[in-house]
Amino acid sequence: MTSLDHPRLSGLARNPAAPQDVLIRLAGHKAGRHGMSLRRGRLEDAVVEALLTYGDDHTAVGLHGDRISPEMRRRIAGHPDPAIRDA
């Protein structure tokens, strides 16, 4: 489902060809984070960092398993916010 508030941003974030710098910028926008939550495959570490910076515990729920690197899993496990750490 596309974010109805900003469907273009949500759709761009789901695009598998979107470059990393675009995804990092989209992480700062709620519709961009929504689109990335629907994206398949692994997210680059820099994109995950941006999601942790701009997102919330709801965003962190989607950061699990093969979607993120082992380094990012360790980063989330040590996050100072318990809502993100426990998501």
PDB file of N, CA and C in Angstrom:
ATOM      1  N   MET A   1       0.842  -1.177   0.000  1.00  0.00           N
ATOM      2  CA  MET A   1       0.000   0.000   0.000  1.00  0.00           C
ATOM      3  C   MET A   1       0.888   1.241   0.000  1.00  0.00           C
ATOM      4  N   THR A   2       0.501   2.216  -0.735  1.00  0.00           N
ATOM      5  CA  THR A   2       1.235   3.467  -0.844  1.00  0.00           C
ATOM      6  C   THR A   2       0.737   4.456   0.198  1.00  0.00           C
ATOM      7  N   SER A   3       1.662   5.246   0.746  1.00  0.00           N
ATOM      8  CA  SER A   3       1.260   6.315   1.650  1.00  0.00           C
ATOM      9  C   SER A   3       0.436   7.321   0.862  1.00  0.00           C
ATOM     10  N   LEU A   4      -0.794   7.551   1.281  1.00  0.00           N
ATOM     11  CA  LEU A   4      -1.692   8.423   0.534  1.00  0.00           C
ATOM     12  C   LEU A   4      -1.365   9.902   0.711  1.00  0.00           C
ATOM     13  N   ASP A   5      -0.626  10.249   1.759  1.00  0.00           N
ATOM     14  CA  ASP A   5      -0.254  11.647   1.962  1.00  0.00           C
ATOM     15  C   ASP A   5       0.749  12.115   0.908  1.00  0.00           C
ATOM     16  N   HIS A   6       1.719  11.276   0.605  1.00  0.00           N
ATOM     17  CA  HIS A   6       2.770  11.603  -0.368  1.00  0.00           C
ATOM     18  C   HIS A   6       3.109  10.343  -1.163  1.00  0.00           C
ATOM     19  N   PRO A   7       2.237   9.948  -2.086  1.00  0.00           N
ATOM     20  CA  PRO A   7       2.434   8.677  -2.785  1.00  0.00           C
ATOM     21  C   PRO A   7       3.719   8.613  -3.604  1.00  0.00           C
ATOM     22  N   ARG A   8       4.182   9.737  -4.129  1.00  0.00           N
ATOM     23  CA  ARG A   8       5.413   9.706  -4.930  1.00  0.00           C
ATOM     24  C   ARG A   8       6.632   9.391  -4.065  1.00  0.00           C
ATOM     25  N   LEU A   9       6.672   9.965  -2.869  1.00  0.00           N
ATOM     26  CA  LEU A   9       7.799   9.690  -1.974  1.00  0.00           C
ATOM     27  C   LEU A   9       7.789   8.236  -1.524  1.00  0.00           C
ATOM     28  N   SER A  10       6.615   7.741  -1.191  1.00  0.00           N
ATOM     29  CA  SER A  10       6.486   6.347  -0.777  1.00  0.00           C
ATOM     30  C   SER A  10       6.901   5.416  -1.909  1.00  0.00           C
ATOM     31  N   GLY A  11       6.435   5.707  -3.114  1.00  0.00           N
ATOM     32  CA  GLY A  11       6.772   4.875  -4.265  1.00  0.00           C
ATOM     33  C   GLY A  11       8.245   4.925  -4.604  1.00  0.00           C
ATOM     34  N   LEU A  12       8.850   6.096  -4.520  1.00  0.00           N
ATOM     35  CA  LEU A  12      10.279   6.222  -4.791  1.00  0.00           C
ATOM     36  C   LEU A  12      11.090   5.410  -3.788  1.00  0.00           C
ATOM     37  N   ALA A  13      10.686   5.421  -2.535  1.00  0.00           N
ATOM     38  CA  ALA A  13      11.403   4.662  -1.507  1.00  0.00           C
ATOM     39  C   ALA A  13      11.291   3.160  -1.730  1.00  0.00           C
ATOM     40  N   ARG A  14      10.225   2.709  -2.382  1.00  0.00           N
ATOM     41  CA  ARG A  14      10.066   1.277  -2.680  1.00  0.00           C
ATOM     42  C   ARG A  14      10.834   0.855  -3.927  1.00  0.00           C
ATOM     43  N   ASN A  15      11.244   1.811  -4.741  1.00  0.00           N
ATOM     44  CA  ASN A  15      11.910   1.517  -6.004  1.00  0.00           C
ATOM     45  C   ASN A  15      13.262   0.842  -5.752  1.00  0.00           C
ATOM     46  N   PRO A  16      13.462  -0.382  -6.249  1.00  0.00           N
ATOM     47  CA  PRO A  16      14.726  -1.077  -6.010  1.00  0.00           C
ATOM     48  C   PRO A  16      15.921  -0.405  -6.682  1.00  0.00           C
ATOM     49  N   ALA A  17      15.683   0.478  -7.647  1.00  0.00           N
ATOM     50  CA  ALA A  17      16.776   1.170  -8.330  1.00  0.00           C
ATOM     51  C   ALA A  17      17.112   2.518  -7.684  1.00  0.00           C
ATOM     52  N   ALA A  18      16.389   2.899  -6.634  1.00  0.00           N
ATOM     53  CA  ALA A  18      16.660   4.188  -5.984  1.00  0.00           C
ATOM     54  C   ALA A  18      18.051   4.169  -5.364  1.00  0.00           C
ATOM     55  N   PRO A  19      18.865   5.188  -5.648  1.00  0.00           N
ATOM     56  CA  PRO A  19      20.220   5.224  -5.092  1.00  0.00           C
ATOM     57  C   PRO A  19      20.217   5.484  -3.586  1.00  0.00           C
ATOM     58  N   GLN A  20      21.306   5.089  -2.960  1.00  0.00           N
ATOM     59  CA  GLN A  20      21.436   5.190  -1.510  1.00  0.00           C
ATOM     60  C   GLN A  20      21.238   6.623  -1.016  1.00  0.00           C
ATOM     61  N   ASP A  21      21.806   7.614  -1.692  1.00  0.00           N
ATOM     62  CA  ASP A  21      21.674   8.991  -1.212  1.00  0.00           C
ATOM     63  C   ASP A  21      20.223   9.466  -1.235  1.00  0.00           C
ATOM     64  N   VAL A  22      19.442   8.983  -2.184  1.00  0.00           N
ATOM     65  CA  VAL A  22      18.019   9.324  -2.238  1.00  0.00           C
ATOM     66  C   VAL A  22      17.286   8.665  -1.073  1.00  0.00           C
ATOM     67  N   LEU A  23      17.606   7.408  -0.799  1.00  0.00           N
ATOM     68  CA  LEU A  23      16.961   6.705   0.315  1.00  0.00           C
ATOM     69  C   LEU A  23      17.280   7.371   1.648  1.00  0.00           C
ATOM     70  N   ILE A  24      18.509   7.840   1.790  1.00  0.00           N
ATOM     71  CA  ILE A  24      18.886   8.525   3.030  1.00  0.00           C
ATOM     72  C   ILE A  24      18.049   9.793   3.203  1.00  0.00           C
ATOM     73  N   ARG A  25      17.860  10.536   2.130  1.00  0.00           N
ATOM     74  CA  ARG A  25      17.025  11.740   2.201  1.00  0.00           C
ATOM     75  C   ARG A  25      15.571  11.382   2.478  1.00  0.00           C
ATOM     76  N   LEU A  26      15.080  10.302   1.875  1.00  0.00           N
ATOM     77  CA  LEU A  26      13.693   9.885   2.090  1.00  0.00           C
ATOM     78  C   LEU A  26      13.453   9.400   3.517  1.00  0.00           C
ATOM     79  N   ALA A  27      14.504   8.933   4.187  1.00  0.00           N
ATOM     80  CA  ALA A  27      14.355   8.461   5.566  1.00  0.00           C
ATOM     81  C   ALA A  27      13.900   9.580   6.493  1.00  0.00           C
ATOM     82  N   GLY A  28      14.132  10.819   6.108  1.00  0.00           N
ATOM     83  CA  GLY A  28      13.708  11.954   6.910  1.00  0.00           C
ATOM     84  C   GLY A  28      12.239  12.303   6.763  1.00  0.00           C
ATOM     85  N   HIS A  29      11.546  11.596   5.897  1.00  0.00           N
ATOM     86  CA  HIS A  29      10.133  11.887   5.636  1.00  0.00           C
ATOM     87  C   HIS A  29       9.292  10.657   5.961  1.00  0.00           C
ATOM     88  N   LYS A  30       8.170  10.861   6.626  1.00  0.00           N
ATOM     89  CA  LYS A  30       7.316   9.742   7.041  1.00  0.00           C
ATOM     90  C   LYS A  30       6.898   8.861   5.866  1.00  0.00           C
ATOM     91  N   ALA A  31       6.527   9.458   4.735  1.00  0.00           N
ATOM     92  CA  ALA A  31       6.117   8.664   3.569  1.00  0.00           C
ATOM     93  C   ALA A  31       7.293   7.871   3.003  1.00  0.00           C
ATOM     94  N   GLY A  32       8.490   8.442   3.068  1.00  0.00           N
ATOM     95  CA  GLY A  32       9.678   7.718   2.623  1.00  0.00           C
ATOM     96  C   GLY A  32       9.956   6.512   3.503  1.00  0.00           C
ATOM     97  N   ARG A  33       9.830   6.694   4.810  1.00  0.00           N
ATOM     98  CA  ARG A  33      10.031   5.565   5.731  1.00  0.00           C
ATOM     99  C   ARG A  33       8.978   4.497   5.493  1.00  0.00           C
ATOM    100  N   HIS A  34       7.748   4.920   5.207  1.00  0.00           N
ATOM    101  CA  HIS A  34       6.683   3.962   4.922  1.00  0.00           C
ATOM    102  C   HIS A  34       7.039   3.136   3.687  1.00  0.00           C
ATOM    103  N   GLY A  35       7.469   3.798   2.633  1.00  0.00           N
ATOM    104  CA  GLY A  35       7.844   3.087   1.412  1.00  0.00           C
ATOM    105  C   GLY A  35       8.985   2.115   1.642  1.00  0.00           C
ATOM    106  N   MET A  36       9.982   2.527   2.427  1.00  0.00           N
ATOM    107  CA  MET A  36      11.113   1.636   2.702  1.00  0.00           C
ATOM    108  C   MET A  36      10.691   0.433   3.528  1.00  0.00           C
ATOM    109  N   SER A  37       9.658   0.590   4.347  1.00  0.00           N
ATOM    110  CA  SER A  37       9.196  -0.553   5.141  1.00  0.00           C
ATOM    111  C   SER A  37       8.606  -1.640   4.245  1.00  0.00           C
ATOM    112  N   LEU A  38       8.163  -1.263   3.049  1.00  0.00           N
ATOM    113  CA  LEU A  38       7.583  -2.223   2.103  1.00  0.00           C
ATOM    114  C   LEU A  38       8.608  -2.743   1.101  1.00  0.00           C
ATOM    115  N   ARG A  39       9.788  -2.224   1.157  1.00  0.00           N
ATOM    116  CA  ARG A  39      10.847  -2.568   0.217  1.00  0.00           C
ATOM    117  C   ARG A  39      11.394  -3.960   0.522  1.00  0.00           C
ATOM    118  N   ARG A  40      11.753  -4.686  -0.512  1.00  0.00           N
ATOM    119  CA  ARG A  40      12.334  -6.020  -0.338  1.00  0.00           C
ATOM    120  C   ARG A  40      13.852  -5.939  -0.366  1.00  0.00           C
ATOM    121  N   GLY A  41      14.476  -6.918   0.255  1.00  0.00           N
ATOM    122  CA  GLY A  41      15.930  -7.001   0.208  1.00  0.00           C
ATOM    123  C   GLY A  41      16.609  -6.218   1.315  1.00  0.00           C
ATOM    124  N   ARG A  42      17.920  -6.341   1.326  1.00  0.00           N
ATOM    125  CA  ARG A  42      18.733  -5.732   2.368  1.00  0.00           C
ATOM    126  C   ARG A  42      18.887  -4.236   2.142  1.00  0.00           C
ATOM    127  N   LEU A  43      18.818  -3.507   3.234  1.00  0.00           N
ATOM    128  CA  LEU A  43      19.053  -2.068   3.212  1.00  0.00           C
ATOM    129  C   LEU A  43      20.523  -1.805   3.531  1.00  0.00           C
ATOM    130  N   GLU A  44      21.107  -0.843   2.858  1.00  0.00           N
ATOM    131  CA  GLU A  44      22.494  -0.460   3.124  1.00  0.00           C
ATOM    132  C   GLU A  44      22.610   0.099   4.544  1.00  0.00           C
ATOM    133  N   ASP A  45      23.783  -0.075   5.145  1.00  0.00           N
ATOM    134  CA  ASP A  45      23.992   0.384   6.518  1.00  0.00           C
ATOM    135  C   ASP A  45      23.716   1.880   6.682  1.00  0.00           C
ATOM    136  N   ALA A  46      24.120   2.688   5.707  1.00  0.00           N
ATOM    137  CA  ALA A  46      23.891   4.135   5.803  1.00  0.00           C
ATOM    138  C   ALA A  46      22.396   4.457   5.806  1.00  0.00           C
ATOM    139  N   VAL A  47      21.613   3.690   5.070  1.00  0.00           N
ATOM    140  CA  VAL A  47      20.161   3.891   5.038  1.00  0.00           C
ATOM    141  C   VAL A  47      19.560   3.491   6.384  1.00  0.00           C
ATOM    142  N   VAL A  48      20.024   2.391   6.951  1.00  0.00           N
ATOM    143  CA  VAL A  48      19.535   1.950   8.263  1.00  0.00           C
ATOM    144  C   VAL A  48      19.877   3.000   9.319  1.00  0.00           C
ATOM    145  N   GLU A  49      21.087   3.555   9.263  1.00  0.00           N
ATOM    146  CA  GLU A  49      21.469   4.623  10.201  1.00  0.00           C
ATOM    147  C   GLU A  49      20.511   5.803  10.089  1.00  0.00           C
ATOM    148  N   ALA A  50      20.180   6.188   8.852  1.00  0.00           N
ATOM    149  CA  ALA A  50      19.250   7.303   8.646  1.00  0.00           C
ATOM    150  C   ALA A  50      17.873   6.964   9.205  1.00  0.00           C
ATOM    151  N   LEU A  51      17.426   5.738   9.009  1.00  0.00           N
ATOM    152  CA  LEU A  51      16.126   5.325   9.548  1.00  0.00           C
ATOM    153  C   LEU A  51      16.129   5.366  11.073  1.00  0.00           C
ATOM    154  N   LEU A  52      17.235   4.965  11.687  1.00  0.00           N
ATOM    155  CA  LEU A  52      17.332   5.022  13.146  1.00  0.00           C
ATOM    156  C   LEU A  52      17.360   6.469  13.636  1.00  0.00           C
ATOM    157  N   THR A  53      17.965   7.344  12.856  1.00  0.00           N
ATOM    158  CA  THR A  53      18.056   8.755  13.233  1.00  0.00           C
ATOM    159  C   THR A  53      16.706   9.447  13.126  1.00  0.00           C
ATOM    160  N   TYR A  54      16.003   9.231  12.020  1.00  0.00           N
ATOM    161  CA  TYR A  54      14.767   9.963  11.748  1.00  0.00           C
ATOM    162  C   TYR A  54      13.502   9.208  12.140  1.00  0.00           C
ATOM    163  N   GLY A  55      13.593   7.900  12.275  1.00  0.00           N
ATOM    164  CA  GLY A  55      12.406   7.091  12.516  1.00  0.00           C
ATOM    165  C   GLY A  55      12.032   7.006  13.982  1.00  0.00           C
ATOM    166  N   ASP A  56      11.151   6.067  14.263  1.00  0.00           N
ATOM    167  CA  ASP A  56      10.687   5.827  15.622  1.00  0.00           C
ATOM    168  C   ASP A  56      10.676   4.323  15.858  1.00  0.00           C
ATOM    169  N   ASP A  57      10.060   3.893  16.961  1.00  0.00           N
ATOM    170  CA  ASP A  57      10.042   2.460  17.244  1.00  0.00           C
ATOM    171  C   ASP A  57       9.251   1.695  16.188  1.00  0.00           C
ATOM    172  N   HIS A  58       8.255   2.328  15.563  1.00  0.00           N
ATOM    173  CA  HIS A  58       7.500   1.664  14.493  1.00  0.00           C
ATOM    174  C   HIS A  58       8.416   1.386  13.298  1.00  0.00           C
ATOM    175  N   THR A  59       9.280   2.338  12.975  1.00  0.00           N
ATOM    176  CA  THR A  59      10.246   2.150  11.891  1.00  0.00           C
ATOM    177  C   THR A  59      11.208   1.028  12.235  1.00  0.00           C
ATOM    178  N   ALA A  60      11.644   0.976  13.484  1.00  0.00           N
ATOM    179  CA  ALA A  60      12.628  -0.022  13.899  1.00  0.00           C
ATOM    180  C   ALA A  60      12.090  -1.443  13.819  1.00  0.00           C
ATOM    181  N   VAL A  61      10.779  -1.611  13.934  1.00  0.00           N
ATOM    182  CA  VAL A  61      10.188  -2.952  13.853  1.00  0.00           C
ATOM    183  C   VAL A  61      10.533  -3.611  12.519  1.00  0.00           C
ATOM    184  N   GLY A  62      10.583  -2.838  11.441  1.00  0.00           N
ATOM    185  CA  GLY A  62      10.887  -3.383  10.120  1.00  0.00           C
ATOM    186  C   GLY A  62      12.353  -3.685   9.905  1.00  0.00           C
ATOM    187  N   LEU A  63      13.203  -3.296  10.834  1.00  0.00           N
ATOM    188  CA  LEU A  63      14.641  -3.517  10.690  1.00  0.00           C
ATOM    189  C   LEU A  63      15.027  -4.804  11.403  1.00  0.00           C
ATOM    190  N   HIS A  64      14.900  -5.898  10.698  1.00  0.00           N
ATOM    191  CA  HIS A  64      15.176  -7.193  11.318  1.00  0.00           C
ATOM    192  C   HIS A  64      15.657  -8.191  10.275  1.00  0.00           C
ATOM    193  N   GLY A  65      16.154  -9.308  10.747  1.00  0.00           N
ATOM    194  CA  GLY A  65      16.522 -10.427   9.879  1.00  0.00           C
ATOM    195  C   GLY A  65      17.497 -10.058   8.783  1.00  0.00           C
ATOM    196  N   ASP A  66      17.231 -10.564   7.598  1.00  0.00           N
ATOM    197  CA  ASP A  66      18.125 -10.362   6.464  1.00  0.00           C
ATOM    198  C   ASP A  66      18.024  -8.969   5.858  1.00  0.00           C
ATOM    199  N   ARG A  67      17.132  -8.142   6.344  1.00  0.00           N
ATOM    200  CA  ARG A  67      16.999  -6.780   5.805  1.00  0.00           C
ATOM    201  C   ARG A  67      18.167  -5.898   6.212  1.00  0.00           C
ATOM    202  N   ILE A  68      18.876  -6.282   7.288  1.00  0.00           N
ATOM    203  CA  ILE A  68      19.986  -5.460   7.762  1.00  0.00           C
ATOM    204  C   ILE A  68      21.208  -6.332   8.016  1.00  0.00           C
ATOM    205  N   SER A  69      22.359  -5.694   8.033  1.00  0.00           N
ATOM    206  CA  SER A  69      23.616  -6.409   8.246  1.00  0.00           C
ATOM    207  C   SER A  69      23.772  -6.774   9.727  1.00  0.00           C
ATOM    208  N   PRO A  70      24.652  -7.732  10.010  1.00  0.00           N
ATOM    209  CA  PRO A  70      24.921  -8.070  11.416  1.00  0.00           C
ATOM    210  C   PRO A  70      25.422  -6.857  12.216  1.00  0.00           C
ATOM    211  N   GLU A  71      26.191  -5.982  11.576  1.00  0.00           N
ATOM    212  CA  GLU A  71      26.680  -4.782  12.262  1.00  0.00           C
ATOM    213  C   GLU A  71      25.521  -3.891  12.703  1.00  0.00           C
ATOM    214  N   MET A  72      24.522  -3.751  11.837  1.00  0.00           N
ATOM    215  CA  MET A  72      23.368  -2.915  12.184  1.00  0.00           C
ATOM    216  C   MET A  72      22.501  -3.585  13.247  1.00  0.00           C
ATOM    217  N   ARG A  73      22.432  -4.910  13.240  1.00  0.00           N
ATOM    218  CA  ARG A  73      21.693  -5.606  14.311  1.00  0.00           C
ATOM    219  C   ARG A  73      22.349  -5.316  15.661  1.00  0.00           C
ATOM    220  N   ARG A  74      23.693  -5.330  15.689  1.00  0.00           N
ATOM    221  CA  ARG A  74      24.404  -5.003  16.931  1.00  0.00           C
ATOM    222  C   ARG A  74      24.169  -3.539  17.319  1.00  0.00           C
ATOM    223  N   ARG A  75      24.133  -2.664  16.330  1.00  0.00           N
ATOM    224  CA  ARG A  75      23.888  -1.234  16.587  1.00  0.00           C
ATOM    225  C   ARG A  75      22.507  -1.033  17.208  1.00  0.00           C
ATOM    226  N   ILE A  76      21.504  -1.727  16.694  1.00  0.00           N
ATOM    227  CA  ILE A  76      20.145  -1.615  17.229  1.00  0.00           C
ATOM    228  C   ILE A  76      20.081  -2.206  18.635  1.00  0.00           C
ATOM    229  N   ALA A  77      20.778  -3.317  18.857  1.00  0.00           N
ATOM    230  CA  ALA A  77      20.778  -3.954  20.180  1.00  0.00           C
ATOM    231  C   ALA A  77      21.372  -3.036  21.247  1.00  0.00           C
ATOM    232  N   GLY A  78      22.266  -2.137  20.840  1.00  0.00           N
ATOM    233  CA  GLY A  78      22.872  -1.211  21.784  1.00  0.00           C
ATOM    234  C   GLY A  78      22.285   0.190  21.739  1.00  0.00           C
ATOM    235  N   HIS A  79      21.163   0.361  21.053  1.00  0.00           N
ATOM    236  CA  HIS A  79      20.555   1.692  20.909  1.00  0.00           C
ATOM    237  C   HIS A  79      20.103   2.213  22.272  1.00  0.00           C
ATOM    238  N   PRO A  80      20.306   3.509  22.551  1.00  0.00           N
ATOM    239  CA  PRO A  80      19.927   4.048  23.863  1.00  0.00           C
ATOM    240  C   PRO A  80      18.417   4.104  24.118  1.00  0.00           C
ATOM    241  N   ASP A  81      17.618   4.120  23.064  1.00  0.00           N
ATOM    242  CA  ASP A  81      16.160   4.184  23.228  1.00  0.00           C
ATOM    243  C   ASP A  81      15.609   2.768  23.383  1.00  0.00           C
ATOM    244  N   PRO A  82      15.036   2.428  24.547  1.00  0.00           N
ATOM    245  CA  PRO A  82      14.534   1.071  24.752  1.00  0.00           C
ATOM    246  C   PRO A  82      13.422   0.682  23.778  1.00  0.00           C
ATOM    247  N   ALA A  83      12.635   1.644  23.309  1.00  0.00           N
ATOM    248  CA  ALA A  83      11.560   1.321  22.359  1.00  0.00           C
ATOM    249  C   ALA A  83      12.142   0.807  21.045  1.00  0.00           C
ATOM    250  N   ILE A  84      13.259   1.367  20.614  1.00  0.00           N
ATOM    251  CA  ILE A  84      13.913   0.907  19.380  1.00  0.00           C
ATOM    252  C   ILE A  84      14.667  -0.386  19.647  1.00  0.00           C
ATOM    253  N   ARG A  85      15.365  -0.439  20.757  1.00  0.00           N
ATOM    254  CA  ARG A  85      16.141  -1.630  21.102  1.00  0.00           C
ATOM    255  C   ARG A  85      15.249  -2.865  21.211  1.00  0.00           C
ATOM    256  N   ASP A  86      14.043  -2.702  21.741  1.00  0.00           N
ATOM    257  CA  ASP A  86      13.147  -3.833  21.972  1.00  0.00           C
ATOM    258  C   ASP A  86      12.158  -4.076  20.837  1.00  0.00           C
ATOM    259  N   ALA A  87      12.214  -3.259  19.785  1.00  0.00           N
ATOM    260  CA  ALA A  87      11.237  -3.378  18.681  1.00  0.00           C
ATOM    261  C   ALA A  87      11.377  -4.694  17.945  1.00  0.00           C
TER     262      ALA A  87
END
